[in-house]
Amino acid sequence: MKHLSYRGYTGTIEYSPEDEILFGKVVGIRGLISYEGARGTDLEIDFKSVIDDYINDCKEEGIEPEKPFKGNFNVRIPSQLHRELAITAIELNTSQSQLIGDSVRSYLSIINPNFKGVVKKANRK
């Protein structure tokens, strides 16, 4: 296992040799939620506990918990690559976002045998 998952949230698994402890943080959200444990089971228990605490705290404060991996992010690419992307999207009658999504799905399906996404053809406008 390379990460932890619980209630739609994903967390890292790291080890600090100096402190001789496992630790991690929740990824895909702006806030910082961290956890730790002496053993793998301790780490998983603390991970689930901080997620439950986060969701309960949000509920008590009347705010919506941050949704992990909302589906949008900024990408910096060379201007020539951006130009090619824009032209290709126009030629395929699709959006740049759809073309990038299709490209990422295709790449992940090649490099990650456990990738569960489906490579879709670009939507036509």
Protein backbone atom coordinates (compact mmCIF):
# COMPACT_ATOMS: atom_id res chain seq x y z
CA MET A 1 0.00 0.00 0.00
CA LYS A 2 1.40 3.37 -1.03
CA HIS A 3 -1.34 5.55 0.45
CA LEU A 4 -4.34 5.51 2.77
CA SER A 5 -7.95 6.11 1.72
CA TYR A 6 -10.97 6.86 3.86
CA ARG A 7 -14.28 8.63 3.21
CA GLY A 8 -13.01 9.95 -0.13
CA TYR A 9 -9.80 11.39 1.33
CA THR A 10 -6.30 10.17 0.46
CA GLY A 11 -3.23 10.35 2.67
CA THR A 12 0.47 9.76 2.25
CA ILE A 13 2.57 7.20 4.11
CA GLU A 14 6.06 8.38 5.06
CA TYR A 15 8.73 7.36 7.55
CA SER A 16 11.00 9.53 9.66
CA PRO A 17 14.18 7.62 10.54
CA GLU A 18 15.20 10.40 12.94
CA ASP A 19 11.98 10.08 14.95
CA GLU A 20 11.42 6.40 14.12
CA ILE A 21 7.77 7.09 13.34
CA LEU A 22 5.37 6.80 10.43
CA PHE A 23 3.55 9.97 9.43
CA GLY A 24 1.51 11.39 6.60
CA LYS A 25 -0.72 14.17 5.40
CA VAL A 26 -4.01 14.35 3.54
CA VAL A 27 -3.50 15.30 -0.11
CA GLY A 28 -5.85 16.95 -2.57
CA ILE A 29 -7.11 19.68 -0.22
CA ARG A 30 -5.78 23.13 0.65
CA GLY A 31 -5.85 22.58 4.41
CA LEU A 32 -3.16 20.70 6.32
CA ILE A 33 -4.32 17.53 8.02
CA SER A 34 -1.51 15.34 9.34
CA TYR A 35 -1.32 12.11 11.33
CA GLU A 36 1.27 9.73 12.73
CA GLY A 37 1.75 6.32 14.27
CA ALA A 38 4.43 3.99 15.57
CA ARG A 39 3.17 1.10 13.40
CA GLY A 40 1.12 0.82 10.24
CA THR A 41 -2.08 0.03 12.13
CA ASP A 42 -1.51 3.05 14.41
CA LEU A 43 -1.00 5.27 11.38
CA GLU A 44 -4.23 4.05 9.77
CA ILE A 45 -6.20 4.55 13.00
CA ASP A 46 -4.89 8.11 13.40
CA PHE A 47 -5.56 8.86 9.71
CA LYS A 48 -9.21 7.81 10.04
CA SER A 49 -9.52 9.69 13.31
CA VAL A 50 -8.27 13.01 11.88
CA ILE A 51 -10.59 12.66 8.88
CA ASP A 52 -13.57 12.04 11.17
CA ASP A 53 -12.51 14.97 13.38
CA TYR A 54 -12.16 17.25 10.34
CA ILE A 55 -15.62 16.36 9.03
CA ASN A 56 -17.20 16.70 12.49
CA ASP A 57 -15.47 20.05 13.13
CA CYS A 58 -16.74 21.37 9.79
CA LYS A 59 -20.25 20.21 10.64
CA GLU A 60 -20.13 21.89 14.06
CA GLU A 61 -18.89 25.14 12.49
CA GLY A 62 -21.55 24.99 9.77
CA ILE A 63 -19.07 24.85 6.91
CA GLU A 64 -18.78 22.37 4.07
CA PRO A 65 -15.72 20.07 4.34
CA GLU A 66 -13.29 20.64 1.52
CA LYS A 67 -13.85 18.14 -1.27
CA PRO A 68 -10.58 16.42 -2.22
CA PHE A 69 -9.45 16.48 -5.84
CA LYS A 70 -12.16 18.76 -7.20
CA GLY A 71 -11.10 18.15 -10.78
CA ASN A 72 -9.41 21.45 -11.53
CA PHE A 73 -5.81 22.52 -11.19
CA ASN A 74 -3.40 24.92 -12.85
CA VAL A 75 -0.69 23.55 -15.10
CA ARG A 76 2.31 25.49 -16.35
CA ILE A 77 3.54 24.36 -19.75
CA PRO A 78 5.78 25.96 -22.39
CA SER A 79 3.94 28.41 -24.65
CA GLN A 80 4.61 26.30 -27.77
CA LEU A 81 3.03 23.26 -26.12
CA HIS A 82 0.04 25.37 -25.09
CA ARG A 83 -0.28 26.58 -28.68
CA GLU A 84 -0.21 23.01 -30.02
CA LEU A 85 -2.77 21.96 -27.43
CA ALA A 86 -5.12 24.80 -28.40
CA ILE A 87 -4.80 24.12 -32.13
CA THR A 88 -5.29 20.37 -31.68
CA ALA A 89 -8.37 20.93 -29.52
CA ILE A 90 -9.85 23.21 -32.20
CA GLU A 91 -9.08 20.67 -34.92
CA LEU A 92 -10.72 17.89 -32.87
CA ASN A 93 -13.67 20.14 -32.06
CA THR A 94 -13.16 19.63 -28.33
CA SER A 95 -11.98 21.65 -25.36
CA GLN A 96 -8.43 21.91 -24.09
CA SER A 97 -9.64 20.49 -20.75
CA GLN A 98 -11.14 17.43 -22.43
CA LEU A 99 -7.99 16.86 -24.48
CA ILE A 100 -5.78 17.15 -21.39
CA GLY A 101 -8.06 14.79 -19.45
CA ASP A 102 -7.96 12.22 -22.26
CA SER A 103 -4.17 12.52 -22.47
CA VAL A 104 -3.70 12.06 -18.73
CA ARG A 105 -6.06 9.05 -18.67
CA SER A 106 -4.17 7.49 -21.57
CA TYR A 107 -0.77 8.09 -19.94
CA LEU A 108 -1.87 6.75 -16.56
CA SER A 109 -3.30 3.61 -18.13
CA ILE A 110 0.11 2.96 -19.72
CA ILE A 111 2.32 3.57 -16.67
CA ASN A 112 0.01 2.28 -13.93
CA PRO A 113 -1.41 -1.23 -14.34
CA ASN A 114 -3.82 -0.58 -11.43
CA PHE A 115 -5.30 2.57 -12.98
CA LYS A 116 -9.06 2.18 -13.06
CA GLY A 117 -9.91 5.07 -15.35
CA VAL A 118 -11.34 4.52 -18.78
CA VAL A 119 -9.73 6.23 -21.75
CA LYS A 120 -12.54 8.10 -23.44
CA LYS A 121 -12.54 9.65 -26.87
CA ALA A 122 -12.65 13.45 -26.88
CA ASN A 123 -16.17 14.85 -26.73
CA ARG A 124 -17.18 16.58 -29.88
CA LYS A 125 -18.78 20.01 -29.52
